[in-house]
Amino acid sequence: MSRNSALILFLCAGGLTGCAADYLNNYETVTLAAGDTQKYNSLLQTVDPLNPASRNTTIEGDGARAAAVAQNYKFPPPPPPPPAITVNVGDTAD
């Protein structure tokens, strides 16, 4: 057997093993996409998949309230004073 014919035989054998790779995985379905039928049908029958409220571009809110929140974020109010400390010197309970 010549060197060229051995190379051709090797390449043909390599090509045939690549074709059998999917067959040897032993899938339980006919195709890899099988099993998505219900999801496909539900997406196919969906008229408008977006939420109807997503088309509402007006922002409901109060400008004064939003400005107050932004102001509190920039300049937070001072923290409350710490609670008073009480110290009991003696135990009067007998």
PDB file of N, CA and C in Angstrom:
ATOM      1  N   MET A   1       0.842  -1.153   0.000  1.00  0.00           N
ATOM      2  CA  MET A   1       0.000   0.000   0.000  1.00  0.00           C
ATOM      3  C   MET A   1       0.900   1.233   0.000  1.00  0.00           C
ATOM      4  N   SER A   2       0.606   2.132  -0.882  1.00  0.00           N
ATOM      5  CA  SER A   2       1.454   3.318  -0.979  1.00  0.00           C
ATOM      6  C   SER A   2       1.054   4.335   0.093  1.00  0.00           C
ATOM      7  N   ARG A   3       1.909   5.281   0.231  1.00  0.00           N
ATOM      8  CA  ARG A   3       1.699   6.282   1.275  1.00  0.00           C
ATOM      9  C   ARG A   3       0.464   7.139   0.967  1.00  0.00           C
ATOM     10  N   ASN A   4       0.223   7.477  -0.296  1.00  0.00           N
ATOM     11  CA  ASN A   4      -0.933   8.290  -0.678  1.00  0.00           C
ATOM     12  C   ASN A   4      -2.237   7.547  -0.454  1.00  0.00           C
ATOM     13  N   SER A   5      -2.272   6.283  -0.803  1.00  0.00           N
ATOM     14  CA  SER A   5      -3.518   5.531  -0.624  1.00  0.00           C
ATOM     15  C   SER A   5      -3.809   5.311   0.865  1.00  0.00           C
ATOM     16  N   ALA A   6      -2.783   5.185   1.695  1.00  0.00           N
ATOM     17  CA  ALA A   6      -3.003   5.045   3.142  1.00  0.00           C
ATOM     18  C   ALA A   6      -3.565   6.344   3.714  1.00  0.00           C
ATOM     19  N   LEU A   7      -3.076   7.457   3.203  1.00  0.00           N
ATOM     20  CA  LEU A   7      -3.578   8.756   3.658  1.00  0.00           C
ATOM     21  C   LEU A   7      -5.028   8.938   3.247  1.00  0.00           C
ATOM     22  N   ILE A   8      -5.360   8.556   2.035  1.00  0.00           N
ATOM     23  CA  ILE A   8      -6.746   8.667   1.567  1.00  0.00           C
ATOM     24  C   ILE A   8      -7.654   7.755   2.376  1.00  0.00           C
ATOM     25  N   LEU A   9      -7.214   6.556   2.663  1.00  0.00           N
ATOM     26  CA  LEU A   9      -8.001   5.621   3.475  1.00  0.00           C
ATOM     27  C   LEU A   9      -8.202   6.175   4.884  1.00  0.00           C
ATOM     28  N   PHE A  10      -7.178   6.768   5.451  1.00  0.00           N
ATOM     29  CA  PHE A  10      -7.262   7.346   6.790  1.00  0.00           C
ATOM     30  C   PHE A  10      -8.253   8.517   6.809  1.00  0.00           C
ATOM     31  N   LEU A  11      -8.205   9.376   5.788  1.00  0.00           N
ATOM     32  CA  LEU A  11      -9.125  10.514   5.733  1.00  0.00           C
ATOM     33  C   LEU A  11     -10.566  10.068   5.538  1.00  0.00           C
ATOM     34  N   CYS A  12     -10.798   9.033   4.728  1.00  0.00           N
ATOM     35  CA  CYS A  12     -12.161   8.521   4.536  1.00  0.00           C
ATOM     36  C   CYS A  12     -12.697   7.907   5.821  1.00  0.00           C
ATOM     37  N   ALA A  13     -11.851   7.171   6.517  1.00  0.00           N
ATOM     38  CA  ALA A  13     -12.284   6.561   7.776  1.00  0.00           C
ATOM     39  C   ALA A  13     -12.572   7.641   8.810  1.00  0.00           C
ATOM     40  N   GLY A  14     -11.763   8.675   8.842  1.00  0.00           N
ATOM     41  CA  GLY A  14     -12.004   9.782   9.770  1.00  0.00           C
ATOM     42  C   GLY A  14     -13.287  10.519   9.449  1.00  0.00           C
ATOM     43  N   GLY A  15     -13.588  10.674   8.177  1.00  0.00           N
ATOM     44  CA  GLY A  15     -14.822  11.343   7.773  1.00  0.00           C
ATOM     45  C   GLY A  15     -16.051  10.541   8.137  1.00  0.00           C
ATOM     46  N   LEU A  16     -15.953   9.220   8.021  1.00  0.00           N
ATOM     47  CA  LEU A  16     -17.094   8.372   8.362  1.00  0.00           C
ATOM     48  C   LEU A  16     -17.343   8.335   9.867  1.00  0.00           C
ATOM     49  N   THR A  17     -16.318   8.419  10.651  1.00  0.00           N
ATOM     50  CA  THR A  17     -16.536   8.408  12.102  1.00  0.00           C
ATOM     51  C   THR A  17     -17.189   9.702  12.559  1.00  0.00           C
ATOM     52  N   GLY A  18     -16.947  10.813  11.872  1.00  0.00           N
ATOM     53  CA  GLY A  18     -17.598  12.068  12.222  1.00  0.00           C
ATOM     54  C   GLY A  18     -19.089  12.014  11.946  1.00  0.00           C
ATOM     55  N   CYS A  19     -19.501  11.277  10.925  1.00  0.00           N
ATOM     56  CA  CYS A  19     -20.929  11.163  10.608  1.00  0.00           C
ATOM     57  C   CYS A  19     -21.656  10.327  11.652  1.00  0.00           C
ATOM     58  N   ALA A  20     -21.002   9.378  12.227  1.00  0.00           N
ATOM     59  CA  ALA A  20     -21.647   8.474  13.178  1.00  0.00           C
ATOM     60  C   ALA A  20     -21.651   9.024  14.586  1.00  0.00           C
ATOM     61  N   ALA A  21     -21.012  10.160  14.827  1.00  0.00           N
ATOM     62  CA  ALA A  21     -20.906  10.681  16.195  1.00  0.00           C
ATOM     63  C   ALA A  21     -22.282  11.004  16.763  1.00  0.00           C
ATOM     64  N   ASP A  22     -23.152  11.668  15.995  1.00  0.00           N
ATOM     65  CA  ASP A  22     -24.488  11.988  16.494  1.00  0.00           C
ATOM     66  C   ASP A  22     -25.333  10.729  16.652  1.00  0.00           C
ATOM     67  N   TYR A  23     -25.148   9.766  15.792  1.00  0.00           N
ATOM     68  CA  TYR A  23     -25.926   8.538  15.882  1.00  0.00           C
ATOM     69  C   TYR A  23     -25.568   7.759  17.140  1.00  0.00           C
ATOM     70  N   LEU A  24     -24.321   7.827  17.540  1.00  0.00           N
ATOM     71  CA  LEU A  24     -23.883   7.052  18.694  1.00  0.00           C
ATOM     72  C   LEU A  24     -24.245   7.710  20.029  1.00  0.00           C
ATOM     73  N   ASN A  25     -24.758   8.946  20.012  1.00  0.00           N
ATOM     74  CA  ASN A  25     -25.166   9.581  21.260  1.00  0.00           C
ATOM     75  C   ASN A  25     -26.471   9.010  21.805  1.00  0.00           C
ATOM     76  N   ASN A  26     -27.202   8.263  20.995  1.00  0.00           N
ATOM     77  CA  ASN A  26     -28.435   7.581  21.400  1.00  0.00           C
ATOM     78  C   ASN A  26     -29.463   8.537  21.997  1.00  0.00           C
ATOM     79  N   TYR A  27     -29.875   9.526  21.221  1.00  0.00           N
ATOM     80  CA  TYR A  27     -30.924  10.433  21.666  1.00  0.00           C
ATOM     81  C   TYR A  27     -32.256   9.694  21.677  1.00  0.00           C
ATOM     82  N   GLU A  28     -33.116  10.083  22.598  1.00  0.00           N
ATOM     83  CA  GLU A  28     -34.428   9.455  22.677  1.00  0.00           C
ATOM     84  C   GLU A  28     -35.442  10.152  21.774  1.00  0.00           C
ATOM     85  N   THR A  29     -35.050  11.226  21.135  1.00  0.00           N
ATOM     86  CA  THR A  29     -35.955  11.960  20.265  1.00  0.00           C
ATOM     87  C   THR A  29     -35.490  11.841  18.830  1.00  0.00           C
ATOM     88  N   VAL A  30     -36.381  12.205  17.923  1.00  0.00           N
ATOM     89  CA  VAL A  30     -36.037  12.124  16.512  1.00  0.00           C
ATOM     90  C   VAL A  30     -35.047  13.233  16.158  1.00  0.00           C
ATOM     91  N   THR A  31     -35.295  14.445  16.678  1.00  0.00           N
ATOM     92  CA  THR A  31     -34.389  15.561  16.427  1.00  0.00           C
ATOM     93  C   THR A  31     -33.987  16.172  17.759  1.00  0.00           C
ATOM     94  N   LEU A  32     -32.969  17.007  17.742  1.00  0.00           N
ATOM     95  CA  LEU A  32     -32.525  17.663  18.966  1.00  0.00           C
ATOM     96  C   LEU A  32     -33.507  18.720  19.430  1.00  0.00           C
ATOM     97  N   ALA A  33     -34.356  19.238  18.530  1.00  0.00           N
ATOM     98  CA  ALA A  33     -35.311  20.276  18.883  1.00  0.00           C
ATOM     99  C   ALA A  33     -36.654  19.712  19.322  1.00  0.00           C
ATOM    100  N   ALA A  34     -36.793  18.421  19.409  1.00  0.00           N
ATOM    101  CA  ALA A  34     -38.064  17.828  19.808  1.00  0.00           C
ATOM    102  C   ALA A  34     -38.336  18.115  21.275  1.00  0.00           C
ATOM    103  N   GLY A  35     -39.594  18.288  21.618  1.00  0.00           N
ATOM    104  CA  GLY A  35     -39.980  18.524  22.996  1.00  0.00           C
ATOM    105  C   GLY A  35     -40.337  19.955  23.291  1.00  0.00           C
ATOM    106  N   ASP A  36     -40.118  20.881  22.344  1.00  0.00           N
ATOM    107  CA  ASP A  36     -40.456  22.282  22.551  1.00  0.00           C
ATOM    108  C   ASP A  36     -41.755  22.652  21.851  1.00  0.00           C
ATOM    109  N   THR A  37     -42.583  21.686  21.545  1.00  0.00           N
ATOM    110  CA  THR A  37     -43.779  21.942  20.754  1.00  0.00           C
ATOM    111  C   THR A  37     -44.764  22.842  21.481  1.00  0.00           C
ATOM    112  N   GLN A  38     -45.009  22.595  22.761  1.00  0.00           N
ATOM    113  CA  GLN A  38     -45.985  23.401  23.495  1.00  0.00           C
ATOM    114  C   GLN A  38     -45.522  24.852  23.603  1.00  0.00           C
ATOM    115  N   LYS A  39     -44.253  25.052  23.880  1.00  0.00           N
ATOM    116  CA  LYS A  39     -43.736  26.411  23.974  1.00  0.00           C
ATOM    117  C   LYS A  39     -43.788  27.093  22.603  1.00  0.00           C
ATOM    118  N   TYR A  40     -43.461  26.369  21.564  1.00  0.00           N
ATOM    119  CA  TYR A  40     -43.503  26.933  20.217  1.00  0.00           C
ATOM    120  C   TYR A  40     -44.923  27.341  19.847  1.00  0.00           C
ATOM    121  N   ASN A  41     -45.902  26.481  20.148  1.00  0.00           N
ATOM    122  CA  ASN A  41     -47.284  26.796  19.815  1.00  0.00           C
ATOM    123  C   ASN A  41     -47.788  27.993  20.610  1.00  0.00           C
ATOM    124  N   SER A  42     -47.421  28.075  21.886  1.00  0.00           N
ATOM    125  CA  SER A  42     -47.884  29.219  22.680  1.00  0.00           C
ATOM    126  C   SER A  42     -47.249  30.517  22.183  1.00  0.00           C
ATOM    127  N   LEU A  43     -45.981  30.482  21.780  1.00  0.00           N
ATOM    128  CA  LEU A  43     -45.355  31.682  21.239  1.00  0.00           C
ATOM    129  C   LEU A  43     -45.914  32.035  19.861  1.00  0.00           C
ATOM    130  N   LEU A  44     -46.303  31.025  19.110  1.00  0.00           N
ATOM    131  CA  LEU A  44     -46.849  31.260  17.782  1.00  0.00           C
ATOM    132  C   LEU A  44     -48.202  31.943  17.859  1.00  0.00           C
ATOM    133  N   GLN A  45     -48.986  31.615  18.894  1.00  0.00           N
ATOM    134  CA  GLN A  45     -50.330  32.166  19.017  1.00  0.00           C
ATOM    135  C   GLN A  45     -50.373  33.443  19.843  1.00  0.00           C
ATOM    136  N   THR A  46     -49.252  33.905  20.341  1.00  0.00           N
ATOM    137  CA  THR A  46     -49.217  35.142  21.105  1.00  0.00           C
ATOM    138  C   THR A  46     -49.301  36.316  20.144  1.00  0.00           C
ATOM    139  N   VAL A  47     -50.311  37.149  20.334  1.00  0.00           N
ATOM    140  CA  VAL A  47     -50.496  38.285  19.439  1.00  0.00           C
ATOM    141  C   VAL A  47     -49.470  39.369  19.740  1.00  0.00           C
ATOM    142  N   ASP A  48     -49.381  39.770  20.998  1.00  0.00           N
ATOM    143  CA  ASP A  48     -48.454  40.816  21.394  1.00  0.00           C
ATOM    144  C   ASP A  48     -47.755  40.354  22.666  1.00  0.00           C
ATOM    145  N   PRO A  49     -46.500  39.953  22.588  1.00  0.00           N
ATOM    146  CA  PRO A  49     -45.841  39.390  23.760  1.00  0.00           C
ATOM    147  C   PRO A  49     -45.456  40.418  24.815  1.00  0.00           C
ATOM    148  N   LEU A  50     -45.542  41.721  24.491  1.00  0.00           N
ATOM    149  CA  LEU A  50     -45.141  42.737  25.450  1.00  0.00           C
ATOM    150  C   LEU A  50     -46.278  43.055  26.415  1.00  0.00           C
ATOM    151  N   ASN A  51     -45.916  43.508  27.576  1.00  0.00           N
ATOM    152  CA  ASN A  51     -46.884  43.954  28.555  1.00  0.00           C
ATOM    153  C   ASN A  51     -47.558  45.217  28.022  1.00  0.00           C
ATOM    154  N   PRO A  52     -48.886  45.341  28.089  1.00  0.00           N
ATOM    155  CA  PRO A  52     -49.539  46.536  27.563  1.00  0.00           C
ATOM    156  C   PRO A  52     -49.084  47.815  28.269  1.00  0.00           C
ATOM    157  N   ALA A  53     -48.694  47.719  29.519  1.00  0.00           N
ATOM    158  CA  ALA A  53     -48.253  48.900  30.246  1.00  0.00           C
ATOM    159  C   ALA A  53     -46.877  49.369  29.782  1.00  0.00           C
ATOM    160  N   SER A  54     -46.163  48.567  29.004  1.00  0.00           N
ATOM    161  CA  SER A  54     -44.831  48.972  28.562  1.00  0.00           C
ATOM    162  C   SER A  54     -44.892  50.079  27.510  1.00  0.00           C
ATOM    163  N   ARG A  55     -46.041  50.272  26.894  1.00  0.00           N
ATOM    164  CA  ARG A  55     -46.177  51.339  25.901  1.00  0.00           C
ATOM    165  C   ARG A  55     -46.479  52.686  26.555  1.00  0.00           C
ATOM    166  N   ASN A  56     -46.792  52.686  27.829  1.00  0.00           N
ATOM    167  CA  ASN A  56     -47.097  53.920  28.533  1.00  0.00           C
ATOM    168  C   ASN A  56     -45.792  54.652  28.816  1.00  0.00           C
ATOM    169  N   THR A  57     -45.580  55.755  28.132  1.00  0.00           N
ATOM    170  CA  THR A  57     -44.323  56.493  28.298  1.00  0.00           C
ATOM    171  C   THR A  57     -44.458  57.668  29.244  1.00  0.00           C
ATOM    172  N   THR A  58     -45.652  57.920  29.741  1.00  0.00           N
ATOM    173  CA  THR A  58     -45.817  59.011  30.702  1.00  0.00           C
ATOM    174  C   THR A  58     -45.500  58.490  32.092  1.00  0.00           C
ATOM    175  N   ILE A  59     -44.711  59.257  32.802  1.00  0.00           N
ATOM    176  CA  ILE A  59     -44.319  58.847  34.151  1.00  0.00           C
ATOM    177  C   ILE A  59     -45.215  59.569  35.135  1.00  0.00           C
ATOM    178  N   GLU A  60     -46.014  58.782  35.842  1.00  0.00           N
ATOM    179  CA  GLU A  60     -46.890  59.377  36.834  1.00  0.00           C
ATOM    180  C   GLU A  60     -46.091  59.618  38.101  1.00  0.00           C
ATOM    181  N   GLY A  61     -46.138  60.824  38.577  1.00  0.00           N
ATOM    182  CA  GLY A  61     -45.420  61.144  39.797  1.00  0.00           C
ATOM    183  C   GLY A  61     -45.471  62.626  40.069  1.00  0.00           C
ATOM    184  N   ASP A  62     -45.071  62.987  41.230  1.00  0.00           N
ATOM    185  CA  ASP A  62     -45.093  64.370  41.656  1.00  0.00           C
ATOM    186  C   ASP A  62     -43.679  64.915  41.570  1.00  0.00           C
ATOM    187  N   GLY A  63     -43.504  66.027  40.859  1.00  0.00           N
ATOM    188  CA  GLY A  63     -42.182  66.610  40.690  1.00  0.00           C
ATOM    189  C   GLY A  63     -41.610  67.136  41.988  1.00  0.00           C
ATOM    190  N   ALA A  64     -42.474  67.725  42.836  1.00  0.00           N
ATOM    191  CA  ALA A  64     -41.994  68.265  44.116  1.00  0.00           C
ATOM    192  C   ALA A  64     -41.514  67.126  45.020  1.00  0.00           C
ATOM    193  N   ARG A  65     -42.228  66.036  45.008  1.00  0.00           N
ATOM    194  CA  ARG A  65     -41.821  64.884  45.828  1.00  0.00           C
ATOM    195  C   ARG A  65     -40.500  64.309  45.333  1.00  0.00           C
ATOM    196  N   ALA A  66     -40.342  64.212  44.007  1.00  0.00           N
ATOM    197  CA  ALA A  66     -39.097  63.691  43.443  1.00  0.00           C
ATOM    198  C   ALA A  66     -37.941  64.629  43.760  1.00  0.00           C
ATOM    199  N   ALA A  67     -38.189  65.940  43.728  1.00  0.00           N
ATOM    200  CA  ALA A  67     -37.133  66.891  44.053  1.00  0.00           C
ATOM    201  C   ALA A  67     -36.738  66.777  45.527  1.00  0.00           C
ATOM    202  N   ALA A  68     -37.714  66.555  46.401  1.00  0.00           N
ATOM    203  CA  ALA A  68     -37.413  66.395  47.827  1.00  0.00           C
ATOM    204  C   ALA A  68     -36.581  65.148  48.070  1.00  0.00           C
ATOM    205  N   VAL A  69     -36.885  64.089  47.382  1.00  0.00           N
ATOM    206  CA  VAL A  69     -36.116  62.846  47.537  1.00  0.00           C
ATOM    207  C   VAL A  69     -34.687  63.067  47.046  1.00  0.00           C
ATOM    208  N   ALA A  70     -34.527  63.759  45.926  1.00  0.00           N
ATOM    209  CA  ALA A  70     -33.186  64.030  45.414  1.00  0.00           C
ATOM    210  C   ALA A  70     -32.413  64.930  46.370  1.00  0.00           C
ATOM    211  N   GLN A  71     -33.110  65.896  46.958  1.00  0.00           N
ATOM    212  CA  GLN A  71     -32.464  66.795  47.913  1.00  0.00           C
ATOM    213  C   GLN A  71     -32.014  66.029  49.157  1.00  0.00           C
ATOM    214  N   ASN A  72     -32.860  65.114  49.640  1.00  0.00           N
ATOM    215  CA  ASN A  72     -32.490  64.294  50.809  1.00  0.00           C
ATOM    216  C   ASN A  72     -31.337  63.355  50.479  1.00  0.00           C
ATOM    217  N   TYR A  73     -31.236  62.965  49.224  1.00  0.00           N
ATOM    218  CA  TYR A  73     -30.132  62.099  48.835  1.00  0.00           C
ATOM    219  C   TYR A  73     -28.822  62.882  48.802  1.00  0.00           C
ATOM    220  N   LYS A  74     -28.882  64.123  48.276  1.00  0.00           N
ATOM    221  CA  LYS A  74     -27.677  64.945  48.217  1.00  0.00           C
ATOM    222  C   LYS A  74     -27.236  65.404  49.605  1.00  0.00           C
ATOM    223  N   PHE A  75     -28.191  65.875  50.382  1.00  0.00           N
ATOM    224  CA  PHE A  75     -27.893  66.404  51.717  1.00  0.00           C
ATOM    225  C   PHE A  75     -28.740  65.658  52.737  1.00  0.00           C
ATOM    226  N   PRO A  76     -28.273  64.508  53.217  1.00  0.00           N
ATOM    227  CA  PRO A  76     -29.093  63.723  54.146  1.00  0.00           C
ATOM    228  C   PRO A  76     -29.284  64.476  55.469  1.00  0.00           C
ATOM    229  N   PRO A  77     -30.425  64.262  56.114  1.00  0.00           N
ATOM    230  CA  PRO A  77     -30.659  64.922  57.395  1.00  0.00           C
ATOM    231  C   PRO A  77     -29.687  64.392  58.436  1.00  0.00           C
ATOM    232  N   PRO A  78     -29.388  65.182  59.457  1.00  0.00           N
ATOM    233  CA  PRO A  78     -28.447  64.710  60.480  1.00  0.00           C
ATOM    234  C   PRO A  78     -29.039  63.534  61.244  1.00  0.00           C
ATOM    235  N   PRO A  79     -28.189  62.638  61.721  1.00  0.00           N
ATOM    236  CA  PRO A  79     -28.700  61.478  62.461  1.00  0.00           C
ATOM    237  C   PRO A  79     -29.300  61.932  63.788  1.00  0.00           C
ATOM    238  N   PRO A  80     -30.223  61.175  64.327  1.00  0.00           N
ATOM    239  CA  PRO A  80     -30.822  61.542  65.611  1.00  0.00           C
ATOM    240  C   PRO A  80     -29.772  61.448  66.713  1.00  0.00           C
ATOM    241  N   PRO A  81     -29.948  62.211  67.779  1.00  0.00           N
ATOM    242  CA  PRO A  81     -28.975  62.151  68.873  1.00  0.00           C
ATOM    243  C   PRO A  81     -29.018  60.779  69.550  1.00  0.00           C
ATOM    244  N   PRO A  82     -27.900  60.373  70.106  1.00  0.00           N
ATOM    245  CA  PRO A  82     -27.892  59.065  70.770  1.00  0.00           C
ATOM    246  C   PRO A  82     -28.785  59.102  72.011  1.00  0.00           C
ATOM    247  N   PRO A  83     -29.319  57.969  72.405  1.00  0.00           N
ATOM    248  CA  PRO A  83     -30.190  57.934  73.583  1.00  0.00           C
ATOM    249  C   PRO A  83     -29.395  58.270  74.843  1.00  0.00           C
ATOM    250  N   ALA A  84     -30.096  58.797  75.807  1.00  0.00           N
ATOM    251  CA  ALA A  84     -29.454  59.159  77.078  1.00  0.00           C
ATOM    252  C   ALA A  84     -29.025  57.900  77.818  1.00  0.00           C
ATOM    253  N   ILE A  85     -27.880  57.989  78.446  1.00  0.00           N
ATOM    254  CA  ILE A  85     -27.348  56.848  79.189  1.00  0.00           C
ATOM    255  C   ILE A  85     -27.754  56.995  80.649  1.00  0.00           C
ATOM    256  N   THR A  86     -28.361  55.969  81.178  1.00  0.00           N
ATOM    257  CA  THR A  86     -28.723  55.965  82.601  1.00  0.00           C
ATOM    258  C   THR A  86     -27.849  54.962  83.327  1.00  0.00           C
ATOM    259  N   VAL A  87     -27.324  55.388  84.447  1.00  0.00           N
ATOM    260  CA  VAL A  87     -26.444  54.532  85.219  1.00  0.00           C
ATOM    261  C   VAL A  87     -27.091  54.316  86.593  1.00  0.00           C
ATOM    262  N   ASN A  88     -27.244  53.078  86.969  1.00  0.00           N
ATOM    263  CA  ASN A  88     -27.732  52.723  88.300  1.00  0.00           C
ATOM    264  C   ASN A  88     -26.531  52.432  89.169  1.00  0.00           C
ATOM    265  N   VAL A  89     -26.339  53.219  90.221  1.00  0.00           N
ATOM    266  CA  VAL A  89     -25.164  53.065  91.059  1.00  0.00           C
ATOM    267  C   VAL A  89     -25.344  51.944  92.072  1.00  0.00           C
ATOM    268  N   GLY A  90     -26.461  51.902  92.682  1.00  0.00           N
ATOM    269  CA  GLY A  90     -26.668  50.867  93.685  1.00  0.00           C
ATOM    270  C   GLY A  90     -27.922  50.077  93.395  1.00  0.00           C
ATOM    271  N   ASP A  91     -27.942  48.889  93.951  1.00  0.00           N
ATOM    272  CA  ASP A  91     -29.106  48.046  93.804  1.00  0.00           C
ATOM    273  C   ASP A  91     -29.971  48.231  95.053  1.00  0.00           C
ATOM    274  N   THR A  92     -31.145  48.805  94.871  1.00  0.00           N
ATOM    275  CA  THR A  92     -32.017  49.071  96.035  1.00  0.00           C
ATOM    276  C   THR A  92     -32.980  47.934  96.288  1.00  0.00           C
ATOM    277  N   ALA A  93     -33.047  47.011  95.390  1.00  0.00           N
ATOM    278  CA  ALA A  93     -33.967  45.882  95.592  1.00  0.00           C
ATOM    279  C   ALA A  93     -33.356  44.887  96.559  1.00  0.00           C
ATOM    280  N   ASP A  94     -34.126  44.451  97.564  1.00  0.00           N
ATOM    281  CA  ASP A  94     -33.665  43.472  98.535  1.00  0.00           C
ATOM    282  C   ASP A  94     -34.275  42.130  98.312  1.00  0.00           C
TER     283      ASP A  94
END
